[in-house]
PDB file of N, CA and C in Angstrom:
ATOM      1  N   PHE A   1    -102.043  -0.514  14.970  1.00  0.00           N
ATOM      2  CA  PHE A   1    -103.308  -0.050  14.393  1.00  0.00           C
ATOM      3  C   PHE A   1    -103.526  -0.769  13.141  1.00  0.00           C
ATOM      4  N   PRO A   2    -104.721  -1.253  13.142  1.00  0.00           N
ATOM      5  CA  PRO A   2    -104.982  -2.089  11.859  1.00  0.00           C
ATOM      6  C   PRO A   2    -105.035  -1.385  10.645  1.00  0.00           C
ATOM      7  N   LYS A   3    -104.386  -1.792   9.586  1.00  0.00           N
ATOM      8  CA  LYS A   3    -104.350  -1.044   8.446  1.00  0.00           C
ATOM      9  C   LYS A   3    -105.621  -1.402   7.479  1.00  0.00           C
ATOM     10  N   PRO A   4    -106.225  -0.449   6.928  1.00  0.00           N
ATOM     11  CA  PRO A   4    -107.402  -0.872   5.961  1.00  0.00           C
ATOM     12  C   PRO A   4    -106.959  -1.733   5.023  1.00  0.00           C
ATOM     13  N   ALA A   5    -107.914  -2.719   4.623  1.00  0.00           N
ATOM     14  CA  ALA A   5    -107.532  -3.792   3.622  1.00  0.00           C
ATOM     15  C   ALA A   5    -107.417  -3.148   2.324  1.00  0.00           C
ATOM     16  N   SER A   6    -107.964  -1.957   2.071  1.00  0.00           N
ATOM     17  CA  SER A   6    -107.908  -1.282   0.891  1.00  0.00           C
ATOM     18  C   SER A   6    -106.377  -0.747   0.467  1.00  0.00           C
ATOM     19  N   ILE A   7    -105.654  -0.595   1.511  1.00  0.00           N
ATOM     20  CA  ILE A   7    -104.242  -0.108   1.412  1.00  0.00           C
ATOM     21  C   ILE A   7    -103.238  -1.170   1.364  1.00  0.00           C
ATOM     22  N   SER A   8    -102.297  -0.900   0.509  1.00  0.00           N
ATOM     23  CA  SER A   8    -101.221  -1.835   0.359  1.00  0.00           C
ATOM     24  C   SER A   8    -100.093  -1.142   1.274  1.00  0.00           C
ATOM     25  N   LEU A   9     -99.513  -1.668   2.333  1.00  0.00           N
ATOM     26  CA  LEU A   9     -98.242  -1.148   2.890  1.00  0.00           C
ATOM     27  C   LEU A   9     -97.344  -2.108   3.218  1.00  0.00           C
ATOM     28  N   ASP A  10     -95.915  -1.704   3.135  1.00  0.00           N
ATOM     29  CA  ASP A  10     -94.911  -2.632   3.318  1.00  0.00           C
ATOM     30  C   ASP A  10     -94.485  -2.759   4.898  1.00  0.00           C
ATOM     31  N   GLY A  11     -95.267  -3.277   5.672  1.00  0.00           N
ATOM     32  CA  GLY A  11     -94.958  -3.249   7.123  1.00  0.00           C
ATOM     33  C   GLY A  11     -96.168  -2.959   8.049  1.00  0.00           C
ATOM     34  N   GLU A  12     -95.808  -2.722   9.292  1.00  0.00           N
ATOM     35  CA  GLU A  12     -96.930  -2.564  10.371  1.00  0.00           C
ATOM     36  C   GLU A  12     -97.114  -1.124  10.482  1.00  0.00           C
ATOM     37  N   VAL A  13     -98.379  -0.930  10.846  1.00  0.00           N
ATOM     38  CA  VAL A  13     -98.712   0.534  11.126  1.00  0.00           C
ATOM     39  C   VAL A  13     -98.377   0.732  12.701  1.00  0.00           C
ATOM     40  N   ILE A  14     -97.614   1.710  13.101  1.00  0.00           N
ATOM     41  CA  ILE A  14     -97.279   1.889  14.454  1.00  0.00           C
ATOM     42  C   ILE A  14     -97.647   3.498  14.579  1.00  0.00           C
ATOM     43  N   LEU A  15     -98.399   3.727  15.760  1.00  0.00           N
ATOM     44  CA  LEU A  15     -98.776   4.922  16.141  1.00  0.00           C
ATOM     45  C   LEU A  15     -98.154   5.268  17.492  1.00  0.00           C
ATOM     46  N   VAL A  16     -97.629   6.416  17.528  1.00  0.00           N
ATOM     47  CA  VAL A  16     -97.018   7.161  18.640  1.00  0.00           C
ATOM     48  C   VAL A  16     -97.809   8.334  19.103  1.00  0.00           C
ATOM     49  N   GLN A  17     -98.215   8.298  20.412  1.00  0.00           N
ATOM     50  CA  GLN A  17     -98.942   9.534  20.912  1.00  0.00           C
ATOM     51  C   GLN A  17     -97.945  10.475  21.346  1.00  0.00           C
ATOM     52  N   ILE A  18     -98.222  11.693  20.921  1.00  0.00           N
ATOM     53  CA  ILE A  18     -97.314  12.877  21.512  1.00  0.00           C
ATOM     54  C   ILE A  18     -98.202  14.206  21.623  1.00  0.00           C
ATOM     55  N   THR A  19     -97.526  14.906  22.619  1.00  0.00           N
ATOM     56  CA  THR A  19     -98.014  16.198  22.763  1.00  0.00           C
ATOM     57  C   THR A  19     -96.803  17.331  22.664  1.00  0.00           C
ATOM     58  N   ALA A  20     -96.750  18.179  21.843  1.00  0.00           N
ATOM     59  CA  ALA A  20     -95.652  19.129  21.812  1.00  0.00           C
ATOM     60  C   ALA A  20     -95.931  20.120  22.697  1.00  0.00           C
ATOM     61  N   THR A  21     -94.982  20.309  23.712  1.00  0.00           N
ATOM     62  CA  THR A  21     -95.254  21.402  24.727  1.00  0.00           C
ATOM     63  C   THR A  21     -94.253  22.391  24.655  1.00  0.00           C
ATOM     64  N   ALA A  22     -94.619  23.609  24.824  1.00  0.00           N
ATOM     65  CA  ALA A  22     -93.728  24.581  24.737  1.00  0.00           C
ATOM     66  C   ALA A  22     -92.823  24.722  26.029  1.00  0.00           C
ATOM     67  N   GLY A  23     -91.489  24.853  25.823  1.00  0.00           N
ATOM     68  CA  GLY A  23     -90.610  25.041  26.898  1.00  0.00           C
ATOM     69  C   GLY A  23     -90.420  26.524  27.410  1.00  0.00           C
ATOM     70  N   SER A  24     -89.565  26.677  28.368  1.00  0.00           N
ATOM     71  CA  SER A  24     -89.286  27.980  28.853  1.00  0.00           C
ATOM     72  C   SER A  24     -87.812  28.644  28.374  1.00  0.00           C
ATOM     73  N   LYS A  25     -87.047  27.630  28.045  1.00  0.00           N
ATOM     74  CA  LYS A  25     -85.557  28.175  27.746  1.00  0.00           C
ATOM     75  C   LYS A  25     -85.334  28.430  26.338  1.00  0.00           C
ATOM     76  N   TYR A  26     -85.991  27.577  25.392  1.00  0.00           N
ATOM     77  CA  TYR A  26     -85.756  27.903  24.080  1.00  0.00           C
ATOM     78  C   TYR A  26     -87.276  28.014  23.211  1.00  0.00           C
ATOM     79  N   TYR A  27     -87.106  28.729  22.081  1.00  0.00           N
ATOM     80  CA  TYR A  27     -88.309  29.045  21.398  1.00  0.00           C
ATOM     81  C   TYR A  27     -88.308  28.552  20.022  1.00  0.00           C
ATOM     82  N   ALA A  28     -89.059  27.527  19.660  1.00  0.00           N
ATOM     83  CA  ALA A  28     -89.122  26.964  18.317  1.00  0.00           C
ATOM     84  C   ALA A  28     -90.323  26.077  18.177  1.00  0.00           C
ATOM     85  N   GLY A  29     -90.890  26.047  16.991  1.00  0.00           N
ATOM     86  CA  GLY A  29     -92.180  25.243  16.833  1.00  0.00           C
ATOM     87  C   GLY A  29     -91.558  23.711  16.766  1.00  0.00           C
ATOM     88  N   TRP A  30     -92.683  23.036  16.486  1.00  0.00           N
ATOM     89  CA  TRP A  30     -92.461  21.595  16.454  1.00  0.00           C
ATOM     90  C   TRP A  30     -93.413  20.890  15.295  1.00  0.00           C
ATOM     91  N   SER A  31     -92.971  20.094  14.458  1.00  0.00           N
ATOM     92  CA  SER A  31     -93.924  19.417  13.597  1.00  0.00           C
ATOM     93  C   SER A  31     -93.605  18.027  13.537  1.00  0.00           C
ATOM     94  N   ASP A  32     -94.513  17.060  13.194  1.00  0.00           N
ATOM     95  CA  ASP A  32     -94.262  15.684  13.096  1.00  0.00           C
ATOM     96  C   ASP A  32     -93.138  15.344  12.142  1.00  0.00           C
ATOM     97  N   SER A  33     -92.794  16.260  11.253  1.00  0.00           N
ATOM     98  CA  SER A  33     -91.511  15.898  10.393  1.00  0.00           C
ATOM     99  C   SER A  33     -90.314  15.717  11.137  1.00  0.00           C
ATOM    100  N   ALA A  34     -90.246  16.258  12.254  1.00  0.00           N
ATOM    101  CA  ALA A  34     -89.055  16.165  13.253  1.00  0.00           C
ATOM    102  C   ALA A  34     -89.014  14.904  14.044  1.00  0.00           C
ATOM    103  N   ALA A  35     -90.048  13.927  13.813  1.00  0.00           N
ATOM    104  CA  ALA A  35     -90.079  12.765  14.494  1.00  0.00           C
ATOM    105  C   ALA A  35     -89.474  11.641  13.773  1.00  0.00           C
ATOM    106  N   LEU A  36     -88.926  10.716  14.593  1.00  0.00           N
ATOM    107  CA  LEU A  36     -88.229   9.566  13.934  1.00  0.00           C
ATOM    108  C   LEU A  36     -88.498   8.365  14.820  1.00  0.00           C
ATOM    109  N   LEU A  37     -88.539   7.023  14.294  1.00  0.00           N
ATOM    110  CA  LEU A  37     -88.705   5.891  15.028  1.00  0.00           C
ATOM    111  C   LEU A  37     -87.507   5.052  14.592  1.00  0.00           C
ATOM    112  N   PHE A  38     -86.974   4.300  15.646  1.00  0.00           N
ATOM    113  CA  PHE A  38     -85.864   3.325  15.403  1.00  0.00           C
ATOM    114  C   PHE A  38     -86.351   2.053  16.037  1.00  0.00           C
ATOM    115  N   ASN A  39     -85.849   0.918  15.300  1.00  0.00           N
ATOM    116  CA  ASN A  39     -86.040  -0.364  15.768  1.00  0.00           C
ATOM    117  C   ASN A  39     -84.817  -0.809  16.681  1.00  0.00           C
ATOM    118  N   GLY A  40     -84.754  -1.980  17.208  1.00  0.00           N
ATOM    119  CA  GLY A  40     -83.683  -2.308  17.977  1.00  0.00           C
ATOM    120  C   GLY A  40     -82.386  -2.513  17.180  1.00  0.00           C
ATOM    121  N   ALA A  41     -82.642  -2.857  15.791  1.00  0.00           N
ATOM    122  CA  ALA A  41     -81.405  -3.043  14.934  1.00  0.00           C
ATOM    123  C   ALA A  41     -80.868  -1.488  14.385  1.00  0.00           C
ATOM    124  N   GLY A  42     -81.550  -0.560  14.728  1.00  0.00           N
ATOM    125  CA  GLY A  42     -81.073   0.712  14.334  1.00  0.00           C
ATOM    126  C   GLY A  42     -81.621   1.195  13.054  1.00  0.00           C
ATOM    127  N   THR A  43     -82.572   0.559  12.476  1.00  0.00           N
ATOM    128  CA  THR A  43     -83.232   0.868  11.314  1.00  0.00           C
ATOM    129  C   THR A  43     -84.253   2.200  11.546  1.00  0.00           C
ATOM    130  N   LEU A  44     -83.957   3.136  10.723  1.00  0.00           N
ATOM    131  CA  LEU A  44     -84.743   4.454  10.975  1.00  0.00           C
ATOM    132  C   LEU A  44     -85.990   4.489  10.167  1.00  0.00           C
ATOM    133  N   TYR A  45     -86.957   4.898  10.756  1.00  0.00           N
ATOM    134  CA  TYR A  45     -88.346   5.107  10.050  1.00  0.00           C
ATOM    135  C   TYR A  45     -88.761   6.456  10.330  1.00  0.00           C
ATOM    136  N   ASN A  46     -88.992   7.296   9.164  1.00  0.00           N
ATOM    137  CA  ASN A  46     -89.647   8.512   9.226  1.00  0.00           C
ATOM    138  C   ASN A  46     -91.114   8.529   9.275  1.00  0.00           C
ATOM    139  N   PRO A  47     -91.694   9.715   9.657  1.00  0.00           N
ATOM    140  CA  PRO A  47     -93.175   9.671   9.790  1.00  0.00           C
ATOM    141  C   PRO A  47     -93.707   9.357   8.571  1.00  0.00           C
ATOM    142  N   PHE A  48     -94.890   8.927   8.600  1.00  0.00           N
ATOM    143  CA  PHE A  48     -95.727   8.377   7.194  1.00  0.00           C
ATOM    144  C   PHE A  48     -96.939   9.255   7.186  1.00  0.00           C
ATOM    145  N   ASP A  49     -96.985   9.890   5.988  1.00  0.00           N
ATOM    146  CA  ASP A  49     -98.185  10.672   5.741  1.00  0.00           C
ATOM    147  C   ASP A  49     -98.882  10.060   4.733  1.00  0.00           C
ATOM    148  N   LEU A  50    -100.119   9.548   4.988  1.00  0.00           N
ATOM    149  CA  LEU A  50    -100.991   8.883   4.013  1.00  0.00           C
ATOM    150  C   LEU A  50    -102.373   9.171   4.417  1.00  0.00           C
ATOM    151  N   ASP A  51    -102.857  10.033   3.442  1.00  0.00           N
ATOM    152  CA  ASP A  51    -104.352  10.601   3.526  1.00  0.00           C
ATOM    153  C   ASP A  51    -105.276   9.515   3.930  1.00  0.00           C
ATOM    154  N   SER A  52    -105.130   8.326   3.224  1.00  0.00           N
ATOM    155  CA  SER A  52    -106.063   7.353   3.326  1.00  0.00           C
ATOM    156  C   SER A  52    -106.218   6.715   4.930  1.00  0.00           C
ATOM    157  N   LEU A  53    -105.240   6.938   5.742  1.00  0.00           N
ATOM    158  CA  LEU A  53    -105.244   6.505   7.066  1.00  0.00           C
ATOM    159  C   LEU A  53    -105.952   7.633   8.014  1.00  0.00           C
ATOM    160  N   GLU A  54    -106.032   8.800   7.596  1.00  0.00           N
ATOM    161  CA  GLU A  54    -106.593   9.938   8.369  1.00  0.00           C
ATOM    162  C   GLU A  54    -108.059   9.577   8.820  1.00  0.00           C
ATOM    163  N   ALA A  55    -108.884   9.230   7.905  1.00  0.00           N
ATOM    164  CA  ALA A  55    -110.293   9.045   8.555  1.00  0.00           C
ATOM    165  C   ALA A  55    -110.496   7.693   9.328  1.00  0.00           C
ATOM    166  N   PRO A  56    -109.956   6.531   9.030  1.00  0.00           N
ATOM    167  CA  PRO A  56    -109.964   5.412   9.970  1.00  0.00           C
ATOM    168  C   PRO A  56    -109.259   5.768  11.330  1.00  0.00           C
ATOM    169  N   MET A  57    -108.185   6.504  11.334  1.00  0.00           N
ATOM    170  CA  MET A  57    -107.514   6.790  12.507  1.00  0.00           C
ATOM    171  C   MET A  57    -108.421   7.642  13.518  1.00  0.00           C
ATOM    172  N   THR A  58    -108.945   8.726  12.803  1.00  0.00           N
ATOM    173  CA  THR A  58    -109.647   9.750  13.489  1.00  0.00           C
ATOM    174  C   THR A  58    -111.021   8.980  13.998  1.00  0.00           C
ATOM    175  N   ALA A  59    -111.585   8.276  13.195  1.00  0.00           N
ATOM    176  CA  ALA A  59    -112.781   7.583  13.682  1.00  0.00           C
ATOM    177  C   ALA A  59    -112.530   6.705  14.819  1.00  0.00           C
ATOM    178  N   ALA A  60    -111.366   6.063  14.890  1.00  0.00           N
ATOM    179  CA  ALA A  60    -110.986   5.085  15.976  1.00  0.00           C
ATOM    180  C   ALA A  60    -110.446   5.901  17.153  1.00  0.00           C
ATOM    181  N   GLY A  61    -110.465   7.200  17.235  1.00  0.00           N
ATOM    182  CA  GLY A  61    -110.113   7.970  18.423  1.00  0.00           C
ATOM    183  C   GLY A  61    -108.632   8.189  18.511  1.00  0.00           C
ATOM    184  N   TYR A  62    -107.930   7.998  17.141  1.00  0.00           N
ATOM    185  CA  TYR A  62    -106.398   8.316  17.088  1.00  0.00           C
ATOM    186  C   TYR A  62    -106.173   9.341  16.182  1.00  0.00           C
ATOM    187  N   PRO A  63    -106.658  10.730  16.568  1.00  0.00           N
ATOM    188  CA  PRO A  63    -106.386  11.753  15.523  1.00  0.00           C
ATOM    189  C   PRO A  63    -104.908  12.071  15.066  1.00  0.00           C
ATOM    190  N   PRO A  64    -104.625  11.934  13.692  1.00  0.00           N
ATOM    191  CA  PRO A  64    -103.157  12.200  13.450  1.00  0.00           C
ATOM    192  C   PRO A  64    -102.704  13.619  13.667  1.00  0.00           C
ATOM    193  N   PHE A  65    -101.347  13.635  13.961  1.00  0.00           N
ATOM    194  CA  PHE A  65    -100.849  14.951  14.453  1.00  0.00           C
ATOM    195  C   PHE A  65    -101.331  16.167  13.454  1.00  0.00           C
ATOM    196  N   TRP A  66    -101.247  15.937  12.195  1.00  0.00           N
ATOM    197  CA  TRP A  66    -101.610  17.060  11.291  1.00  0.00           C
ATOM    198  C   TRP A  66    -103.008  17.417  11.244  1.00  0.00           C
ATOM    199  N   VAL A  67    -103.962  16.495  11.599  1.00  0.00           N
ATOM    200  CA  VAL A  67    -105.349  16.791  11.883  1.00  0.00           C
ATOM    201  C   VAL A  67    -105.689  17.487  13.022  1.00  0.00           C
ATOM    202  N   ALA A  68    -105.151  16.952  14.189  1.00  0.00           N
ATOM    203  CA  ALA A  68    -105.408  17.567  15.613  1.00  0.00           C
ATOM    204  C   ALA A  68    -104.808  18.856  15.553  1.00  0.00           C
ATOM    205  N   ASN A  69    -103.569  19.218  15.022  1.00  0.00           N
ATOM    206  CA  ASN A  69    -103.131  20.487  15.081  1.00  0.00           C
ATOM    207  C   ASN A  69    -103.416  21.370  13.823  1.00  0.00           C
ATOM    208  N   LYS A  70    -104.357  21.245  13.191  1.00  0.00           N
ATOM    209  CA  LYS A  70    -104.949  22.015  12.059  1.00  0.00           C
ATOM    210  C   LYS A  70    -104.016  22.231  10.872  1.00  0.00           C
ATOM    211  N   ASN A  71    -103.289  21.024  10.477  1.00  0.00           N
ATOM    212  CA  ASN A  71    -102.406  20.944   9.473  1.00  0.00           C
ATOM    213  C   ASN A  71    -101.254  22.009   9.480  1.00  0.00           C
ATOM    214  N   ALA A  72    -100.637  22.143  10.766  1.00  0.00           N
ATOM    215  CA  ALA A  72     -99.779  23.029  10.974  1.00  0.00           C
ATOM    216  C   ALA A  72     -98.710  22.496  11.999  1.00  0.00           C
ATOM    217  N   GLU A  73     -97.665  23.142  12.048  1.00  0.00           N
ATOM    218  CA  GLU A  73     -96.617  22.728  13.222  1.00  0.00           C
ATOM    219  C   GLU A  73     -97.283  23.468  14.457  1.00  0.00           C
ATOM    220  N   VAL A  74     -96.657  22.919  15.648  1.00  0.00           N
ATOM    221  CA  VAL A  74     -96.847  23.599  16.833  1.00  0.00           C
ATOM    222  C   VAL A  74     -96.127  24.768  16.906  1.00  0.00           C
ATOM    223  N   ASP A  75     -96.876  25.985  17.047  1.00  0.00           N
ATOM    224  CA  ASP A  75     -96.068  27.250  17.075  1.00  0.00           C
ATOM    225  C   ASP A  75     -95.259  27.520  18.231  1.00  0.00           C
ATOM    226  N   THR A  76     -94.273  28.414  18.104  1.00  0.00           N
ATOM    227  CA  THR A  76     -93.308  28.706  19.387  1.00  0.00           C
ATOM    228  C   THR A  76     -94.244  29.211  20.391  1.00  0.00           C
ATOM    229  N   ALA A  77     -93.874  28.824  21.663  1.00  0.00           N
ATOM    230  CA  ALA A  77     -94.521  29.161  22.833  1.00  0.00           C
ATOM    231  C   ALA A  77     -95.986  28.713  23.080  1.00  0.00           C
ATOM    232  N   THR A  78     -96.264  27.645  22.354  1.00  0.00           N
ATOM    233  CA  THR A  78     -97.668  27.181  22.516  1.00  0.00           C
ATOM    234  C   THR A  78     -97.683  25.629  22.693  1.00  0.00           C
ATOM    235  N   THR A  79     -98.655  25.005  23.056  1.00  0.00           N
ATOM    236  CA  THR A  79     -98.812  23.625  23.297  1.00  0.00           C
ATOM    237  C   THR A  79     -99.598  22.855  22.301  1.00  0.00           C
ATOM    238  N   GLY A  80     -99.368  21.926  21.583  1.00  0.00           N
ATOM    239  CA  GLY A  80    -100.016  21.356  20.653  1.00  0.00           C
ATOM    240  C   GLY A  80    -101.195  20.419  21.246  1.00  0.00           C
ATOM    241  N   VAL A  81    -102.059  19.854  20.532  1.00  0.00           N
ATOM    242  CA  VAL A  81    -103.087  18.975  20.803  1.00  0.00           C
ATOM    243  C   VAL A  81    -102.567  17.611  20.848  1.00  0.00           C
ATOM    244  N   SER A  82    -102.854  16.734  22.024  1.00  0.00           N
ATOM    245  CA  SER A  82    -102.349  15.423  22.066  1.00  0.00           C
ATOM    246  C   SER A  82    -102.897  14.691  20.779  1.00  0.00           C
ATOM    247  N   SER A  83    -101.921  14.099  20.141  1.00  0.00           N
ATOM    248  CA  SER A  83    -102.301  13.427  18.676  1.00  0.00           C
ATOM    249  C   SER A  83    -101.231  12.283  18.374  1.00  0.00           C
ATOM    250  N   TRP A  84    -101.365  11.905  17.322  1.00  0.00           N
ATOM    251  CA  TRP A  84    -100.668  10.601  16.995  1.00  0.00           C
ATOM    252  C   TRP A  84     -99.948  10.596  15.739  1.00  0.00           C
ATOM    253  N   VAL A  85     -98.544  10.235  15.807  1.00  0.00           N
ATOM    254  CA  VAL A  85     -97.572  10.404  14.601  1.00  0.00           C
ATOM    255  C   VAL A  85     -97.535   8.864  14.160  1.00  0.00           C
ATOM    256  N   VAL A  86     -97.708   8.732  12.816  1.00  0.00           N
ATOM    257  CA  VAL A  86     -97.766   7.217  12.155  1.00  0.00           C
ATOM    258  C   VAL A  86     -96.553   7.037  11.449  1.00  0.00           C
ATOM    259  N   PHE A  87     -96.116   5.773  11.645  1.00  0.00           N
ATOM    260  CA  PHE A  87     -94.843   5.287  11.123  1.00  0.00           C
ATOM    261  C   PHE A  87     -95.190   3.732  10.641  1.00  0.00           C
ATOM    262  N   ILE A  88     -94.649   3.532   9.414  1.00  0.00           N
ATOM    263  CA  ILE A  88     -94.946   2.102   8.735  1.00  0.00           C
ATOM    264  C   ILE A  88     -93.563   1.419   9.067  1.00  0.00           C
ATOM    265  N   VAL A  89     -93.626   0.394   9.877  1.00  0.00           N
ATOM    266  CA  VAL A  89     -92.352  -0.274  10.334  1.00  0.00           C
ATOM    267  C   VAL A  89     -92.299  -1.643   9.698  1.00  0.00           C
ATOM    268  N   GLY A  90     -91.202  -1.842   9.037  1.00  0.00           N
ATOM    269  CA  GLY A  90     -90.910  -3.171   8.312  1.00  0.00           C
ATOM    270  C   GLY A  90     -90.507  -4.244   9.295  1.00  0.00           C
ATOM    271  N   ASP A  91     -89.903  -4.001  10.407  1.00  0.00           N
ATOM    272  CA  ASP A  91     -89.558  -5.036  11.415  1.00  0.00           C
ATOM    273  C   ASP A  91     -89.898  -4.418  12.814  1.00  0.00           C
ATOM    274  N   PRO A  92     -91.121  -4.542  13.357  1.00  0.00           N
ATOM    275  CA  PRO A  92     -91.420  -4.021  14.545  1.00  0.00           C
ATOM    276  C   PRO A  92     -90.875  -4.665  15.800  1.00  0.00           C
ATOM    277  N   LYS A  93     -90.064  -5.765  15.663  1.00  0.00           N
ATOM    278  CA  LYS A  93     -89.568  -6.419  16.817  1.00  0.00           C
ATOM    279  C   LYS A  93     -88.839  -5.419  17.574  1.00  0.00           C
ATOM    280  N   GLY A  94     -89.029  -5.304  19.048  1.00  0.00           N
ATOM    281  CA  GLY A  94     -88.485  -4.386  19.939  1.00  0.00           C
ATOM    282  C   GLY A  94     -86.984  -4.550  20.014  1.00  0.00           C
ATOM    283  N   PRO A  95     -86.485  -3.531  20.800  1.00  0.00           N
ATOM    284  CA  PRO A  95     -87.217  -2.513  21.189  1.00  0.00           C
ATOM    285  C   PRO A  95     -87.538  -1.350  20.154  1.00  0.00           C
ATOM    286  N   LEU A  96     -88.345  -0.609  20.433  1.00  0.00           N
ATOM    287  CA  LEU A  96     -88.664   0.605  19.550  1.00  0.00           C
ATOM    288  C   LEU A  96     -88.242   1.976  20.308  1.00  0.00           C
ATOM    289  N   TYR A  97     -87.709   2.869  19.528  1.00  0.00           N
ATOM    290  CA  TYR A  97     -87.290   4.192  20.169  1.00  0.00           C
ATOM    291  C   TYR A  97     -88.019   5.236  19.427  1.00  0.00           C
ATOM    292  N   PHE A  98     -88.685   6.134  20.103  1.00  0.00           N
ATOM    293  CA  PHE A  98     -89.096   7.366  19.353  1.00  0.00           C
ATOM    294  C   PHE A  98     -88.027   8.551  19.704  1.00  0.00           C
ATOM    295  N   ALA A  99     -87.876   9.214  18.555  1.00  0.00           N
ATOM    296  CA  ALA A  99     -86.943  10.357  18.619  1.00  0.00           C
ATOM    297  C   ALA A  99     -87.398  11.626  18.080  1.00  0.00           C
ATOM    298  N   THR A 100     -86.907  12.747  18.391  1.00  0.00           N
ATOM    299  CA  THR A 100     -87.286  13.954  17.706  1.00  0.00           C
ATOM    300  C   THR A 100     -85.786  14.658  17.450  1.00  0.00           C
ATOM    301  N   ARG A 101     -85.706  15.455  16.389  1.00  0.00           N
ATOM    302  CA  ARG A 101     -84.580  16.107  15.952  1.00  0.00           C
ATOM    303  C   ARG A 101     -84.804  17.585  15.839  1.00  0.00           C
ATOM    304  N   HIS A 102     -83.809  18.332  16.054  1.00  0.00           N
ATOM    305  CA  HIS A 102     -83.919  19.767  15.782  1.00  0.00           C
ATOM    306  C   HIS A 102     -82.663  20.194  15.153  1.00  0.00           C
ATOM    307  N   GLY A 103     -82.754  21.302  14.327  1.00  0.00           N
ATOM    308  CA  GLY A 103     -81.599  21.865  13.576  1.00  0.00           C
ATOM    309  C   GLY A 103     -80.716  22.725  14.665  1.00  0.00           C
ATOM    310  N   ALA A 104     -79.748  23.142  14.226  1.00  0.00           N
ATOM    311  CA  ALA A 104     -78.920  24.129  14.909  1.00  0.00           C
ATOM    312  C   ALA A 104     -79.485  25.564  14.816  1.00  0.00           C
ATOM    313  N   ALA A 105     -79.459  26.327  15.867  1.00  0.00           N
ATOM    314  CA  ALA A 105     -80.030  27.602  15.783  1.00  0.00           C
ATOM    315  C   ALA A 105     -79.281  28.574  16.652  1.00  0.00           C
ATOM    316  N   THR A 106     -79.625  29.873  16.407  1.00  0.00           N
ATOM    317  CA  THR A 106     -79.072  31.029  17.079  1.00  0.00           C
ATOM    318  C   THR A 106     -80.165  31.598  17.953  1.00  0.00           C
ATOM    319  N   THR A 107     -79.837  31.922  19.204  1.00  0.00           N
ATOM    320  CA  THR A 107     -80.841  32.535  20.051  1.00  0.00           C
ATOM    321  C   THR A 107     -81.019  33.944  19.867  1.00  0.00           C
ATOM    322  N   SER A 108     -81.960  34.460  20.374  1.00  0.00           N
ATOM    323  CA  SER A 108     -82.135  35.820  20.257  1.00  0.00           C
ATOM    324  C   SER A 108     -81.059  36.694  21.102  1.00  0.00           C
ATOM    325  N   GLY A 109     -80.521  36.029  22.059  1.00  0.00           N
ATOM    326  CA  GLY A 109     -79.584  36.560  22.832  1.00  0.00           C
ATOM    327  C   GLY A 109     -77.995  36.509  22.283  1.00  0.00           C
ATOM    328  N   GLY A 110     -77.979  35.933  21.158  1.00  0.00           N
ATOM    329  CA  GLY A 110     -76.699  35.693  20.488  1.00  0.00           C
ATOM    330  C   GLY A 110     -75.938  34.333  20.722  1.00  0.00           C
ATOM    331  N   GLY A 111     -76.665  33.626  21.588  1.00  0.00           N
ATOM    332  CA  GLY A 111     -76.082  32.262  21.937  1.00  0.00           C
ATOM    333  C   GLY A 111     -76.369  31.167  20.619  1.00  0.00           C
ATOM    334  N   SER A 112     -75.857  30.001  20.708  1.00  0.00           N
ATOM    335  CA  SER A 112     -76.243  28.963  19.781  1.00  0.00           C
ATOM    336  C   SER A 112     -76.682  27.763  20.505  1.00  0.00           C
ATOM    337  N   ILE A 113     -77.442  27.042  19.809  1.00  0.00           N
ATOM    338  CA  ILE A 113     -77.958  25.829  20.162  1.00  0.00           C
ATOM    339  C   ILE A 113     -77.519  24.798  19.055  1.00  0.00           C
ATOM    340  N   PRO A 114     -76.736  23.718  19.538  1.00  0.00           N
ATOM    341  CA  PRO A 114     -76.338  22.757  18.391  1.00  0.00           C
ATOM    342  C   PRO A 114     -77.622  21.901  18.093  1.00  0.00           C
ATOM    343  N   ALA A 115     -77.442  21.289  16.701  1.00  0.00           N
ATOM    344  CA  ALA A 115     -78.379  20.384  16.276  1.00  0.00           C
ATOM    345  C   ALA A 115     -78.362  19.131  17.204  1.00  0.00           C
ATOM    346  N   GLY A 116     -79.530  18.444  17.370  1.00  0.00           N
ATOM    347  CA  GLY A 116     -79.420  17.269  18.185  1.00  0.00           C
ATOM    348  C   GLY A 116     -80.635  16.416  17.867  1.00  0.00           C
ATOM    349  N   THR A 117     -80.557  15.154  18.227  1.00  0.00           N
ATOM    350  CA  THR A 117     -81.536  14.217  18.272  1.00  0.00           C
ATOM    351  C   THR A 117     -81.700  13.641  19.633  1.00  0.00           C
ATOM    352  N   PHE A 118     -82.997  13.656  20.085  1.00  0.00           N
ATOM    353  CA  PHE A 118     -83.306  12.994  21.376  1.00  0.00           C
ATOM    354  C   PHE A 118     -84.211  11.844  21.211  1.00  0.00           C
ATOM    355  N   LYS A 119     -83.776  10.626  21.951  1.00  0.00           N
ATOM    356  CA  LYS A 119     -84.683   9.513  21.668  1.00  0.00           C
ATOM    357  C   LYS A 119     -84.930   8.973  23.105  1.00  0.00           C
ATOM    358  N   VAL A 120     -86.314   8.239  23.028  1.00  0.00           N
ATOM    359  CA  VAL A 120     -86.632   7.676  24.409  1.00  0.00           C
ATOM    360  C   VAL A 120     -87.186   6.184  23.894  1.00  0.00           C
ATOM    361  N   LYS A 121     -86.955   5.284  24.674  1.00  0.00           N
ATOM    362  CA  LYS A 121     -87.394   3.776  24.363  1.00  0.00           C
ATOM    363  C   LYS A 121     -88.862   3.668  24.593  1.00  0.00           C
ATOM    364  N   ILE A 122     -89.585   3.148  23.754  1.00  0.00           N
ATOM    365  CA  ILE A 122     -91.122   3.158  23.886  1.00  0.00           C
ATOM    366  C   ILE A 122     -91.557   1.840  24.025  1.00  0.00           C
ATOM    367  N   SER A 123     -90.864   0.779  23.661  1.00  0.00           N
ATOM    368  CA  SER A 123     -91.368  -0.629  23.811  1.00  0.00           C
ATOM    369  C   SER A 123     -90.058  -1.478  23.798  1.00  0.00           C
ATOM    370  N   ASP A 124     -90.416  -2.652  24.566  1.00  0.00           N
ATOM    371  CA  ASP A 124     -89.137  -3.774  24.664  1.00  0.00           C
ATOM    372  C   ASP A 124     -89.130  -4.596  23.586  1.00  0.00           C
TER     373      ASP A 124
END
């Protein structure tokens, strides 16, 4: 995504399209703060929140997650709006991996869910 000339950023703007979909086994919300991006060298990039990118992204047809989902996480048992998570990547040379993380939790039935990070390769 082309960064506006008025913004000074240390890296390339990378947008990842996501839709948070409710599952049937576990119940928890999802927010873009749970998203991660890794490059091939293992460098971690957290989601980047920059208000000045909101208008150009939306105008170009890339609504940021927090705008498309009304400034909220996707609630339990619902599906979010397809939208974009923003990362500023210093070295975008591939491969790139998108990941999401969740904390440990206890289920309503007394079971437990261990913390975890799930990643998928998104570019070579």
